[in-house]
Amino acid sequence: MVTPRQVLHMPDPADFVRFAPEFGTRFILTVDTEEEFDWSKPLDRTSHGLDHIPRIAKFQQFCEGLGVVPIYLVDYPVASDPRAAEVLADAVAAGRAEIGVQLHPWVNPPYDEDITVHNSFAGNLPPELERAKFRKLRDTIEQAFGIGPAIYRAGRYGVGPNTAEILSECAIAIDTSVRANFDYSSTGGPDFHLHPLRPWWICKRNGLMEVPLTTVFTGLLKRFGKHLYPLLWRVPRMRGLLSRLGLLERISLTPEGITLEEAVRGIEVAIDLGLPVLVLSFHSPSLCPGYTPYVRNDDDLDRFYDWWRGVFAHLAAKGVKPANVRQIIEAAQI
């Protein structure tokens, strides 16, 4: 096996994935399927719940009715809870859903590190500890769902210098940890603000590609977004003013903090950029009111589902079809 370069290395032009012409423009729906915890409090190993897991069944049914195959990126508390397999195992076996890996190191054995913000990014851990945690999670997922996962997202997007080698060792074909146009370095995490939005080969020989989450800039100043937006991070009022004036806005394709109207603008920009794969995402606790800042009550939950209806309808109107992990792998031209 060839040792892959780091996920965080910027790709060369030759590294971008070329997809079969018939693949066209597609989208995938990724769900960060994780425990419930208070986002405003320090992380710990025990102060979390899994009460929202039964709500995943409704969302899965909703997606099936629209012909969308969700990709559930499952972390250790979820993978080790029998209710998750009860809800999803049949859909996964039938190809109506897919299972991937999401590593939250602070709740994933072995517990050999101190719980700190720095260590909450798995890529900051010593390589053997990151590897041990990942393999424990992968094996737990395989035992629970009867299938070996092929896609990964680091919790808190926390890839590091050893992540790609670990993924290659464990037959992962797609990493989707890069959140392009975001910078987490102020808290010890990775800096993605200059990374591209197009999929690229981390290691073509090993069949490992990066499919970054889709976040675009809109507005009259959008072509300067990668360089201008970071300068405004300490001036939120200026960011808000530029957004209201239609000059510069950063839009991620998620219902969490992004309106339907904003998402539609983001989709238009992503299509204009010629992106072959649009990556949509949200956190599974948003499926039950009260567990995330984005869905506080039943009215918020209704708006959450309406957001997806509107986004799926707009994508369909634009000829952007849903895809799954297998289709992306098969369409990538080696």
C-alpha atoms as a PDB file:
ATOM      1  CA  MET A   1       0.000   0.000   0.000  1.00  0.00           C
ATOM      2  CA  VAL A   2       1.261   3.455  -0.902  1.00  0.00           C
ATOM      3  CA  THR A   3       1.479   5.891   2.017  1.00  0.00           C
ATOM      4  CA  PRO A   4      -1.039   8.628   1.175  1.00  0.00           C
ATOM      5  CA  ARG A   5      -0.329  12.275   1.666  1.00  0.00           C
ATOM      6  CA  GLN A   6      -2.181  14.194   4.344  1.00  0.00           C
ATOM      7  CA  VAL A   7      -5.817  15.156   3.908  1.00  0.00           C
ATOM      8  CA  LEU A   8      -4.894  18.764   4.629  1.00  0.00           C
ATOM      9  CA  HIS A   9      -2.385  19.008   1.775  1.00  0.00           C
ATOM     10  CA  MET A  10      -3.703  21.192  -1.030  1.00  0.00           C
ATOM     11  CA  PRO A  11      -4.348  19.193  -4.214  1.00  0.00           C
ATOM     12  CA  ASP A  12      -2.535  19.805  -7.465  1.00  0.00           C
ATOM     13  CA  PRO A  13      -4.622  20.331 -10.613  1.00  0.00           C
ATOM     14  CA  ALA A  14      -3.952  16.740 -11.689  1.00  0.00           C
ATOM     15  CA  ASP A  15      -5.407  15.437  -8.414  1.00  0.00           C
ATOM     16  CA  PHE A  16      -8.993  16.510  -9.040  1.00  0.00           C
ATOM     17  CA  VAL A  17     -11.315  13.570  -9.606  1.00  0.00           C
ATOM     18  CA  ARG A  18     -12.686  13.174 -13.098  1.00  0.00           C
ATOM     19  CA  PHE A  19     -16.090  11.546 -13.176  1.00  0.00           C
ATOM     20  CA  ALA A  20     -17.669   9.603 -16.015  1.00  0.00           C
ATOM     21  CA  PRO A  21     -19.547  11.998 -18.334  1.00  0.00           C
ATOM     22  CA  GLU A  22     -22.892  10.351 -17.625  1.00  0.00           C
ATOM     23  CA  PHE A  23     -22.507  11.046 -13.909  1.00  0.00           C
ATOM     24  CA  GLY A  24     -23.413  14.685 -14.437  1.00  0.00           C
ATOM     25  CA  THR A  25     -23.991  16.831 -11.348  1.00  0.00           C
ATOM     26  CA  ARG A  26     -25.131  14.930  -8.265  1.00  0.00           C
ATOM     27  CA  PHE A  27     -25.741  15.540  -4.589  1.00  0.00           C
ATOM     28  CA  ILE A  28     -25.329  13.438  -1.470  1.00  0.00           C
ATOM     29  CA  LEU A  29     -27.063  13.850   1.871  1.00  0.00           C
ATOM     30  CA  THR A  30     -24.798  13.177   4.845  1.00  0.00           C
ATOM     31  CA  VAL A  31     -26.113  12.936   8.404  1.00  0.00           C
ATOM     32  CA  ASP A  32     -23.718  13.416  11.316  1.00  0.00           C
ATOM     33  CA  THR A  33     -25.393  10.671  13.341  1.00  0.00           C
ATOM     34  CA  GLU A  34     -24.293  11.343  16.877  1.00  0.00           C
ATOM     35  CA  GLU A  35     -25.253  11.591  20.536  1.00  0.00           C
ATOM     36  CA  GLU A  36     -27.183  14.498  22.015  1.00  0.00           C
ATOM     37  CA  PHE A  37     -25.109  16.846  24.166  1.00  0.00           C
ATOM     38  CA  ASP A  38     -25.176  20.444  25.311  1.00  0.00           C
ATOM     39  CA  TRP A  39     -23.123  22.321  22.729  1.00  0.00           C
ATOM     40  CA  SER A  40     -22.552  25.196  25.165  1.00  0.00           C
ATOM     41  CA  LYS A  41     -20.872  23.077  27.861  1.00  0.00           C
ATOM     42  CA  PRO A  42     -17.428  21.454  28.017  1.00  0.00           C
ATOM     43  CA  LEU A  43     -17.188  18.015  26.452  1.00  0.00           C
ATOM     44  CA  ASP A  44     -17.190  14.918  28.649  1.00  0.00           C
ATOM     45  CA  ARG A  45     -17.589  11.191  28.193  1.00  0.00           C
ATOM     46  CA  THR A  46     -20.951  10.646  29.872  1.00  0.00           C
ATOM     47  CA  SER A  47     -23.191  13.732  29.663  1.00  0.00           C
ATOM     48  CA  HIS A  48     -25.068  12.782  26.535  1.00  0.00           C
ATOM     49  CA  GLY A  49     -28.194  10.986  25.399  1.00  0.00           C
ATOM     50  CA  LEU A  50     -29.569   9.050  22.441  1.00  0.00           C
ATOM     51  CA  ASP A  51     -33.280   9.697  22.788  1.00  0.00           C
ATOM     52  CA  HIS A  52     -33.606  11.035  19.236  1.00  0.00           C
ATOM     53  CA  ILE A  53     -32.569   7.770  17.548  1.00  0.00           C
ATOM     54  CA  PRO A  54     -36.154   6.543  16.980  1.00  0.00           C
ATOM     55  CA  ARG A  55     -36.824   9.799  15.083  1.00  0.00           C
ATOM     56  CA  ILE A  56     -34.328   8.694  12.438  1.00  0.00           C
ATOM     57  CA  ALA A  57     -36.941   6.214  11.195  1.00  0.00           C
ATOM     58  CA  LYS A  58     -39.263   9.047  10.148  1.00  0.00           C
ATOM     59  CA  PHE A  59     -36.487  10.883   8.327  1.00  0.00           C
ATOM     60  CA  GLN A  60     -35.430   7.687   6.567  1.00  0.00           C
ATOM     61  CA  GLN A  61     -39.016   7.107   5.413  1.00  0.00           C
ATOM     62  CA  PHE A  62     -39.209  10.735   4.266  1.00  0.00           C
ATOM     63  CA  CYS A  63     -36.057  10.330   2.160  1.00  0.00           C
ATOM     64  CA  GLU A  64     -37.164   7.023   0.697  1.00  0.00           C
ATOM     65  CA  GLY A  65     -40.367   8.663  -0.503  1.00  0.00           C
ATOM     66  CA  LEU A  66     -38.269  11.157  -2.457  1.00  0.00           C
ATOM     67  CA  GLY A  67     -35.728   8.679  -3.809  1.00  0.00           C
ATOM     68  CA  VAL A  68     -32.834   9.972  -1.697  1.00  0.00           C
ATOM     69  CA  VAL A  69     -30.345   7.600  -0.033  1.00  0.00           C
ATOM     70  CA  PRO A  70     -29.095   9.228   3.194  1.00  0.00           C
ATOM     71  CA  ILE A  71     -25.537   8.537   4.301  1.00  0.00           C
ATOM     72  CA  TYR A  72     -25.525   8.161   8.095  1.00  0.00           C
ATOM     73  CA  LEU A  73     -22.058   8.948   9.449  1.00  0.00           C
ATOM     74  CA  VAL A  74     -22.302   7.098  12.746  1.00  0.00           C
ATOM     75  CA  ASP A  75     -20.225   7.677  15.862  1.00  0.00           C
ATOM     76  CA  TYR A  76     -19.526   5.257  18.713  1.00  0.00           C
ATOM     77  CA  PRO A  77     -22.450   5.996  21.083  1.00  0.00           C
ATOM     78  CA  VAL A  78     -24.884   5.543  18.188  1.00  0.00           C
ATOM     79  CA  ALA A  79     -23.177   2.472  16.710  1.00  0.00           C
ATOM     80  CA  SER A  80     -23.172   0.741  20.091  1.00  0.00           C
ATOM     81  CA  ASP A  81     -26.873   1.465  20.777  1.00  0.00           C
ATOM     82  CA  PRO A  82     -29.054  -1.449  19.521  1.00  0.00           C
ATOM     83  CA  ARG A  83     -31.830   0.967  18.557  1.00  0.00           C
ATOM     84  CA  ALA A  84     -29.719   2.372  15.726  1.00  0.00           C
ATOM     85  CA  ALA A  85     -29.476  -1.001  14.014  1.00  0.00           C
ATOM     86  CA  GLU A  86     -33.173  -1.624  14.630  1.00  0.00           C
ATOM     87  CA  VAL A  87     -33.997   1.623  12.846  1.00  0.00           C
ATOM     88  CA  LEU A  88     -31.537   1.427   9.957  1.00  0.00           C
ATOM     89  CA  ALA A  89     -30.221  -2.110   9.383  1.00  0.00           C
ATOM     90  CA  ASP A  90     -32.961  -3.156   6.932  1.00  0.00           C
ATOM     91  CA  ALA A  91     -32.645   0.070   4.932  1.00  0.00           C
ATOM     92  CA  VAL A  92     -28.866  -0.303   4.784  1.00  0.00           C
ATOM     93  CA  ALA A  93     -29.124  -3.933   3.667  1.00  0.00           C
ATOM     94  CA  ALA A  94     -31.561  -2.943   0.916  1.00  0.00           C
ATOM     95  CA  GLY A  95     -29.456  -0.001  -0.276  1.00  0.00           C
ATOM     96  CA  ARG A  96     -32.029   2.600   0.794  1.00  0.00           C
ATOM     97  CA  ALA A  97     -29.489   4.055   3.263  1.00  0.00           C
ATOM     98  CA  GLU A  98     -25.732   3.897   3.722  1.00  0.00           C
ATOM     99  CA  ILE A  99     -23.564   3.831   6.829  1.00  0.00           C
ATOM    100  CA  GLY A 100     -20.298   5.669   7.293  1.00  0.00           C
ATOM    101  CA  VAL A 101     -17.961   6.538  10.144  1.00  0.00           C
ATOM    102  CA  GLN A 102     -17.840   9.673  12.279  1.00  0.00           C
ATOM    103  CA  LEU A 103     -15.248   9.750  15.049  1.00  0.00           C
ATOM    104  CA  HIS A 104     -15.948  11.739  18.230  1.00  0.00           C
ATOM    105  CA  PRO A 105     -12.786  10.827  20.136  1.00  0.00           C
ATOM    106  CA  TRP A 106     -14.005  11.943  23.564  1.00  0.00           C
ATOM    107  CA  VAL A 107     -16.790   9.300  23.580  1.00  0.00           C
ATOM    108  CA  ASN A 108     -14.934   6.624  21.609  1.00  0.00           C
ATOM    109  CA  PRO A 109     -12.729   4.002  23.315  1.00  0.00           C
ATOM    110  CA  PRO A 110      -9.932   3.514  24.076  1.00  0.00           C
ATOM    111  CA  TYR A 111     -10.048   6.378  26.552  1.00  0.00           C
ATOM    112  CA  ASP A 112      -6.337   7.062  26.843  1.00  0.00           C
ATOM    113  CA  GLU A 113      -6.345  10.839  26.392  1.00  0.00           C
ATOM    114  CA  ASP A 114      -7.376  13.813  28.493  1.00  0.00           C
ATOM    115  CA  ILE A 115     -10.591  15.504  27.412  1.00  0.00           C
ATOM    116  CA  THR A 116      -9.544  18.869  26.051  1.00  0.00           C
ATOM    117  CA  VAL A 117     -10.625  21.018  23.137  1.00  0.00           C
ATOM    118  CA  HIS A 118      -7.339  20.166  21.403  1.00  0.00           C
ATOM    119  CA  ASN A 119      -7.960  16.432  21.781  1.00  0.00           C
ATOM    120  CA  SER A 120     -11.554  16.718  20.533  1.00  0.00           C
ATOM    121  CA  PHE A 121     -10.035  16.875  17.037  1.00  0.00           C
ATOM    122  CA  ALA A 122      -9.094  13.238  16.392  1.00  0.00           C
ATOM    123  CA  GLY A 123      -6.289  14.249  14.058  1.00  0.00           C
ATOM    124  CA  ASN A 124      -4.471  15.899  16.986  1.00  0.00           C
ATOM    125  CA  LEU A 125      -4.167  12.600  18.855  1.00  0.00           C
ATOM    126  CA  PRO A 126      -1.049  10.409  18.732  1.00  0.00           C
ATOM    127  CA  PRO A 127      -1.316   8.275  15.580  1.00  0.00           C
ATOM    128  CA  GLU A 128      -1.697   4.950  17.387  1.00  0.00           C
ATOM    129  CA  LEU A 129      -4.519   6.325  19.528  1.00  0.00           C
ATOM    130  CA  GLU A 130      -6.345   7.833  16.546  1.00  0.00           C
ATOM    131  CA  ARG A 131      -5.907   4.492  14.762  1.00  0.00           C
ATOM    132  CA  ALA A 132      -7.161   2.472  17.747  1.00  0.00           C
ATOM    133  CA  LYS A 133     -10.224   4.657  18.171  1.00  0.00           C
ATOM    134  CA  PHE A 134     -11.036   4.531  14.477  1.00  0.00           C
ATOM    135  CA  ARG A 135     -10.682   0.746  14.268  1.00  0.00           C
ATOM    136  CA  LYS A 136     -12.812   0.233  17.361  1.00  0.00           C
ATOM    137  CA  LEU A 137     -15.541   2.367  15.811  1.00  0.00           C
ATOM    138  CA  ARG A 138     -15.291   0.761  12.388  1.00  0.00           C
ATOM    139  CA  ASP A 139     -15.534  -2.732  13.893  1.00  0.00           C
ATOM    140  CA  THR A 140     -18.506  -1.726  16.051  1.00  0.00           C
ATOM    141  CA  ILE A 141     -20.304  -0.362  12.986  1.00  0.00           C
ATOM    142  CA  GLU A 142     -19.580  -3.507  10.994  1.00  0.00           C
ATOM    143  CA  GLN A 143     -20.906  -5.720  13.779  1.00  0.00           C
ATOM    144  CA  ALA A 144     -24.035  -3.594  14.236  1.00  0.00           C
ATOM    145  CA  PHE A 145     -24.998  -3.115  10.597  1.00  0.00           C
ATOM    146  CA  GLY A 146     -23.363  -6.079   8.868  1.00  0.00           C
ATOM    147  CA  ILE A 147     -21.473  -3.936   6.384  1.00  0.00           C
ATOM    148  CA  GLY A 148     -18.019  -2.396   6.176  1.00  0.00           C
ATOM    149  CA  PRO A 149     -18.258   1.403   5.899  1.00  0.00           C
ATOM    150  CA  ALA A 150     -16.546   3.148   2.979  1.00  0.00           C
ATOM    151  CA  ILE A 151     -16.942   6.826   3.909  1.00  0.00           C
ATOM    152  CA  TYR A 152     -15.613   8.878   6.828  1.00  0.00           C
ATOM    153  CA  ARG A 153     -16.051  12.263   8.440  1.00  0.00           C
ATOM    154  CA  ALA A 154     -13.984  13.321  11.426  1.00  0.00           C
ATOM    155  CA  GLY A 155     -16.067  14.750  14.240  1.00  0.00           C
ATOM    156  CA  ARG A 156     -15.574  18.527  14.390  1.00  0.00           C
ATOM    157  CA  TYR A 157     -13.955  18.021  10.938  1.00  0.00           C
ATOM    158  CA  GLY A 158     -10.797  17.167  12.885  1.00  0.00           C
ATOM    159  CA  VAL A 159      -8.526  15.417  10.398  1.00  0.00           C
ATOM    160  CA  GLY A 160      -4.801  15.434  11.030  1.00  0.00           C
ATOM    161  CA  PRO A 161      -1.459  14.345   9.593  1.00  0.00           C
ATOM    162  CA  ASN A 162      -2.107  10.619  10.085  1.00  0.00           C
ATOM    163  CA  THR A 163      -5.784  10.398   9.167  1.00  0.00           C
ATOM    164  CA  ALA A 164      -5.360   9.525   5.499  1.00  0.00           C
ATOM    165  CA  GLU A 165      -3.010   6.627   6.244  1.00  0.00           C
ATOM    166  CA  ILE A 166      -5.474   5.224   8.809  1.00  0.00           C
ATOM    167  CA  LEU A 167      -8.367   5.512   6.352  1.00  0.00           C
ATOM    168  CA  SER A 168      -6.407   3.765   3.620  1.00  0.00           C
ATOM    169  CA  GLU A 169      -5.481   0.928   5.970  1.00  0.00           C
ATOM    170  CA  CYS A 170      -9.159   0.407   6.746  1.00  0.00           C
ATOM    171  CA  ALA A 171     -10.471   0.426   3.148  1.00  0.00           C
ATOM    172  CA  ILE A 172     -12.195   3.793   3.374  1.00  0.00           C
ATOM    173  CA  ALA A 173     -12.766   5.176  -0.132  1.00  0.00           C
ATOM    174  CA  ILE A 174     -14.154   8.638   0.651  1.00  0.00           C
ATOM    175  CA  ASP A 175     -13.238  11.184   3.270  1.00  0.00           C
ATOM    176  CA  THR A 176     -15.711  14.031   3.668  1.00  0.00           C
ATOM    177  CA  SER A 177     -14.127  15.863   6.587  1.00  0.00           C
ATOM    178  CA  VAL A 178     -12.975  18.968   4.730  1.00  0.00           C
ATOM    179  CA  ARG A 179     -15.368  21.855   5.340  1.00  0.00           C
ATOM    180  CA  ALA A 180     -14.147  24.161   2.636  1.00  0.00           C
ATOM    181  CA  ASN A 181     -14.147  27.904   3.407  1.00  0.00           C
ATOM    182  CA  PHE A 182     -13.987  27.313   7.193  1.00  0.00           C
ATOM    183  CA  ASP A 183     -11.070  27.726   9.597  1.00  0.00           C
ATOM    184  CA  TYR A 184     -11.010  25.935  12.972  1.00  0.00           C
ATOM    185  CA  SER A 185      -7.386  26.681  13.811  1.00  0.00           C
ATOM    186  CA  SER A 186      -8.260  29.155  16.586  1.00  0.00           C
ATOM    187  CA  THR A 187      -9.331  26.195  18.760  1.00  0.00           C
ATOM    188  CA  GLY A 188      -6.635  23.787  17.578  1.00  0.00           C
ATOM    189  CA  GLY A 189      -8.525  22.349  14.628  1.00  0.00           C
ATOM    190  CA  PRO A 190      -7.740  22.342  10.908  1.00  0.00           C
ATOM    191  CA  ASP A 191      -7.833  25.319   8.571  1.00  0.00           C
ATOM    192  CA  PHE A 192      -9.846  24.643   5.403  1.00  0.00           C
ATOM    193  CA  HIS A 193     -10.432  28.214   4.253  1.00  0.00           C
ATOM    194  CA  LEU A 194      -8.303  27.827   1.111  1.00  0.00           C
ATOM    195  CA  HIS A 195      -9.316  24.280   0.225  1.00  0.00           C
ATOM    196  CA  PRO A 196     -11.254  23.675  -2.992  1.00  0.00           C
ATOM    197  CA  LEU A 197     -14.826  22.465  -3.294  1.00  0.00           C
ATOM    198  CA  ARG A 198     -14.211  19.907  -6.030  1.00  0.00           C
ATOM    199  CA  PRO A 199     -13.440  16.284  -5.060  1.00  0.00           C
ATOM    200  CA  TRP A 200      -9.779  15.306  -5.302  1.00  0.00           C
ATOM    201  CA  TRP A 201      -7.646  12.220  -4.858  1.00  0.00           C
ATOM    202  CA  ILE A 202      -5.863  12.092  -1.530  1.00  0.00           C
ATOM    203  CA  CYS A 203      -4.247   8.893  -2.800  1.00  0.00           C
ATOM    204  CA  LYS A 204      -5.356   7.695  -6.213  1.00  0.00           C
ATOM    205  CA  ARG A 205      -3.316   4.492  -5.890  1.00  0.00           C
ATOM    206  CA  ASN A 206      -5.219   3.517  -2.741  1.00  0.00           C
ATOM    207  CA  GLY A 207      -8.539   4.728  -4.094  1.00  0.00           C
ATOM    208  CA  LEU A 208      -9.001   7.379  -1.377  1.00  0.00           C
ATOM    209  CA  MET A 209     -10.670  10.616  -2.408  1.00  0.00           C
ATOM    210  CA  GLU A 210     -11.786  13.761  -0.599  1.00  0.00           C
ATOM    211  CA  VAL A 211     -15.360  14.916  -1.185  1.00  0.00           C
ATOM    212  CA  PRO A 212     -15.595  18.194   0.753  1.00  0.00           C
ATOM    213  CA  LEU A 213     -18.741  19.614   2.243  1.00  0.00           C
ATOM    214  CA  THR A 214     -20.270  22.290   0.056  1.00  0.00           C
ATOM    215  CA  THR A 215     -19.988  25.857   1.325  1.00  0.00           C
ATOM    216  CA  VAL A 216     -19.979  28.679  -1.202  1.00  0.00           C
ATOM    217  CA  PHE A 217     -19.763  32.453  -1.241  1.00  0.00           C
ATOM    218  CA  THR A 218     -22.514  34.471  -2.873  1.00  0.00           C
ATOM    219  CA  GLY A 219     -22.841  38.174  -3.601  1.00  0.00           C
ATOM    220  CA  LEU A 220     -21.004  40.755  -5.690  1.00  0.00           C
ATOM    221  CA  LEU A 221     -17.750  40.100  -3.811  1.00  0.00           C
ATOM    222  CA  LYS A 222     -17.973  36.296  -3.883  1.00  0.00           C
ATOM    223  CA  ARG A 223     -14.788  35.807  -5.891  1.00  0.00           C
ATOM    224  CA  PHE A 224     -12.888  37.495  -3.059  1.00  0.00           C
ATOM    225  CA  GLY A 225     -14.647  35.432  -0.369  1.00  0.00           C
ATOM    226  CA  LYS A 226     -11.805  33.058   0.486  1.00  0.00           C
ATOM    227  CA  HIS A 227      -9.524  35.955   1.329  1.00  0.00           C
ATOM    228  CA  LEU A 228     -11.994  38.597   2.507  1.00  0.00           C
ATOM    229  CA  TYR A 229     -14.265  36.535   4.752  1.00  0.00           C
ATOM    230  CA  PRO A 230     -11.543  35.448   7.228  1.00  0.00           C
ATOM    231  CA  LEU A 231     -10.652  39.112   7.770  1.00  0.00           C
ATOM    232  CA  LEU A 232     -14.224  39.769   8.904  1.00  0.00           C
ATOM    233  CA  TRP A 233     -14.334  36.961  11.470  1.00  0.00           C
ATOM    234  CA  ARG A 234     -13.771  39.347  14.373  1.00  0.00           C
ATOM    235  CA  VAL A 235     -16.293  41.837  12.978  1.00  0.00           C
ATOM    236  CA  PRO A 236     -19.618  39.964  12.831  1.00  0.00           C
ATOM    237  CA  ARG A 237     -21.585  43.161  12.270  1.00  0.00           C
ATOM    238  CA  MET A 238     -19.629  43.791   9.094  1.00  0.00           C
ATOM    239  CA  ARG A 239     -20.347  40.258   7.898  1.00  0.00           C
ATOM    240  CA  GLY A 240     -24.028  40.829   8.536  1.00  0.00           C
ATOM    241  CA  LEU A 241     -23.969  44.155   6.721  1.00  0.00           C
ATOM    242  CA  LEU A 242     -22.228  42.704   3.672  1.00  0.00           C
ATOM    243  CA  SER A 243     -24.789  39.897   3.605  1.00  0.00           C
ATOM    244  CA  ARG A 244     -27.770  42.287   3.828  1.00  0.00           C
ATOM    245  CA  LEU A 245     -26.310  44.425   1.041  1.00  0.00           C
ATOM    246  CA  GLY A 246     -25.880  41.382  -1.185  1.00  0.00           C
ATOM    247  CA  LEU A 247     -22.118  41.838  -1.294  1.00  0.00           C
ATOM    248  CA  LEU A 248     -20.779  38.725   0.442  1.00  0.00           C
ATOM    249  CA  GLU A 249     -22.423  35.773   2.146  1.00  0.00           C
ATOM    250  CA  ARG A 250     -21.110  32.342   3.128  1.00  0.00           C
ATOM    251  CA  ILE A 251     -23.698  29.601   2.609  1.00  0.00           C
ATOM    252  CA  SER A 252     -23.405  25.967   3.652  1.00  0.00           C
ATOM    253  CA  LEU A 253     -25.888  23.446   2.316  1.00  0.00           C
ATOM    254  CA  THR A 254     -27.507  22.604   5.645  1.00  0.00           C
ATOM    255  CA  PRO A 255     -30.848  23.445   7.280  1.00  0.00           C
ATOM    256  CA  GLU A 256     -28.967  24.298  10.473  1.00  0.00           C
ATOM    257  CA  GLY A 257     -28.741  28.074  10.461  1.00  0.00           C
ATOM    258  CA  ILE A 258     -29.335  28.436   6.716  1.00  0.00           C
ATOM    259  CA  THR A 259     -32.741  29.403   5.330  1.00  0.00           C
ATOM    260  CA  LEU A 260     -34.274  27.739   2.298  1.00  0.00           C
ATOM    261  CA  GLU A 261     -33.842  30.937   0.293  1.00  0.00           C
ATOM    262  CA  GLU A 262     -30.154  31.071   1.216  1.00  0.00           C
ATOM    263  CA  ALA A 263     -29.685  27.410   0.351  1.00  0.00           C
ATOM    264  CA  VAL A 264     -31.239  27.932  -3.076  1.00  0.00           C
ATOM    265  CA  ARG A 265     -28.783  30.771  -3.740  1.00  0.00           C
ATOM    266  CA  GLY A 266     -25.955  28.521  -2.618  1.00  0.00           C
ATOM    267  CA  ILE A 267     -27.079  25.719  -4.912  1.00  0.00           C
ATOM    268  CA  GLU A 268     -27.171  28.122  -7.853  1.00  0.00           C
ATOM    269  CA  VAL A 269     -23.579  29.191  -7.168  1.00  0.00           C
ATOM    270  CA  ALA A 270     -22.412  25.588  -6.722  1.00  0.00           C
ATOM    271  CA  ILE A 271     -23.956  24.625 -10.064  1.00  0.00           C
ATOM    272  CA  ASP A 272     -22.407  27.658 -11.756  1.00  0.00           C
ATOM    273  CA  LEU A 273     -19.017  26.598 -10.377  1.00  0.00           C
ATOM    274  CA  GLY A 274     -19.461  23.255 -12.121  1.00  0.00           C
ATOM    275  CA  LEU A 275     -19.126  21.179  -8.960  1.00  0.00           C
ATOM    276  CA  PRO A 276     -19.756  17.504  -9.779  1.00  0.00           C
ATOM    277  CA  VAL A 277     -20.912  16.610  -6.248  1.00  0.00           C
ATOM    278  CA  LEU A 278     -22.847  18.814  -3.822  1.00  0.00           C
ATOM    279  CA  VAL A 279     -22.574  17.653  -0.199  1.00  0.00           C
ATOM    280  CA  LEU A 280     -25.517  18.439   2.098  1.00  0.00           C
ATOM    281  CA  SER A 281     -25.386  17.788   5.834  1.00  0.00           C
ATOM    282  CA  PHE A 282     -26.974  18.127   9.269  1.00  0.00           C
ATOM    283  CA  HIS A 283     -26.678  16.671  12.785  1.00  0.00           C
ATOM    284  CA  SER A 284     -29.099  13.860  13.647  1.00  0.00           C
ATOM    285  CA  PRO A 285     -30.203  15.337  17.030  1.00  0.00           C
ATOM    286  CA  SER A 286     -31.946  18.066  14.987  1.00  0.00           C
ATOM    287  CA  LEU A 287     -34.558  15.423  14.160  1.00  0.00           C
ATOM    288  CA  CYS A 288     -36.031  15.856  17.647  1.00  0.00           C
ATOM    289  CA  PRO A 289     -36.921  19.262  19.134  1.00  0.00           C
ATOM    290  CA  GLY A 290     -34.767  20.552  21.948  1.00  0.00           C
ATOM    291  CA  TYR A 291     -31.439  18.902  21.223  1.00  0.00           C
ATOM    292  CA  THR A 292     -29.772  21.440  18.916  1.00  0.00           C
ATOM    293  CA  PRO A 293     -29.989  25.224  18.641  1.00  0.00           C
ATOM    294  CA  TYR A 294     -31.634  24.817  15.228  1.00  0.00           C
ATOM    295  CA  VAL A 295     -34.734  22.791  16.163  1.00  0.00           C
ATOM    296  CA  ARG A 296     -36.145  23.995  19.472  1.00  0.00           C
ATOM    297  CA  ASN A 297     -39.819  23.075  19.040  1.00  0.00           C
ATOM    298  CA  ASP A 298     -42.305  21.342  16.748  1.00  0.00           C
ATOM    299  CA  ASP A 299     -42.669  24.403  14.527  1.00  0.00           C
ATOM    300  CA  ASP A 300     -38.902  24.401  13.965  1.00  0.00           C
ATOM    301  CA  LEU A 301     -39.091  20.706  13.082  1.00  0.00           C
ATOM    302  CA  ASP A 302     -41.834  21.383  10.524  1.00  0.00           C
ATOM    303  CA  ARG A 303     -39.632  24.077   8.983  1.00  0.00           C
ATOM    304  CA  PHE A 304     -36.726  21.625   9.000  1.00  0.00           C
ATOM    305  CA  TYR A 305     -38.679  19.151   6.846  1.00  0.00           C
ATOM    306  CA  ASP A 306     -39.991  21.952   4.645  1.00  0.00           C
ATOM    307  CA  TRP A 307     -36.384  23.017   4.051  1.00  0.00           C
ATOM    308  CA  TRP A 308     -35.549  19.579   2.727  1.00  0.00           C
ATOM    309  CA  ARG A 309     -38.654  19.472   0.546  1.00  0.00           C
ATOM    310  CA  GLY A 310     -37.705  22.823  -0.968  1.00  0.00           C
ATOM    311  CA  VAL A 311     -34.044  21.912  -1.476  1.00  0.00           C
ATOM    312  CA  PHE A 312     -34.828  18.545  -3.051  1.00  0.00           C
ATOM    313  CA  ALA A 313     -37.399  20.178  -5.339  1.00  0.00           C
ATOM    314  CA  HIS A 314     -34.934  22.863  -6.441  1.00  0.00           C
ATOM    315  CA  LEU A 315     -32.192  20.305  -7.074  1.00  0.00           C
ATOM    316  CA  ALA A 316     -34.601  18.215  -9.148  1.00  0.00           C
ATOM    317  CA  ALA A 317     -35.653  21.279 -11.146  1.00  0.00           C
ATOM    318  CA  LYS A 318     -31.981  21.907 -11.906  1.00  0.00           C
ATOM    319  CA  GLY A 319     -31.394  18.329 -13.006  1.00  0.00           C
ATOM    320  CA  VAL A 320     -29.170  17.518 -10.017  1.00  0.00           C
ATOM    321  CA  LYS A 321     -29.855  13.908  -9.074  1.00  0.00           C
ATOM    322  CA  PRO A 322     -29.143  12.190  -5.763  1.00  0.00           C
ATOM    323  CA  ALA A 323     -26.153   9.870  -5.501  1.00  0.00           C
ATOM    324  CA  ASN A 324     -24.755   7.423  -2.989  1.00  0.00           C
ATOM    325  CA  VAL A 325     -21.267   6.307  -2.017  1.00  0.00           C
ATOM    326  CA  ARG A 326     -21.191   3.379  -4.421  1.00  0.00           C
ATOM    327  CA  GLN A 327     -22.168   5.553  -7.379  1.00  0.00           C
ATOM    328  CA  ILE A 328     -19.484   8.132  -6.592  1.00  0.00           C
ATOM    329  CA  ILE A 329     -16.809   5.442  -6.341  1.00  0.00           C
ATOM    330  CA  GLU A 330     -17.921   3.777  -9.569  1.00  0.00           C
ATOM    331  CA  ALA A 331     -18.102   7.044 -11.500  1.00  0.00           C
ATOM    332  CA  ALA A 332     -14.624   8.212 -10.463  1.00  0.00           C
ATOM    333  CA  GLN A 333     -12.271   7.552 -13.360  1.00  0.00           C
ATOM    334  CA  ILE A 334      -9.032   5.976 -12.173  1.00  0.00           C
END
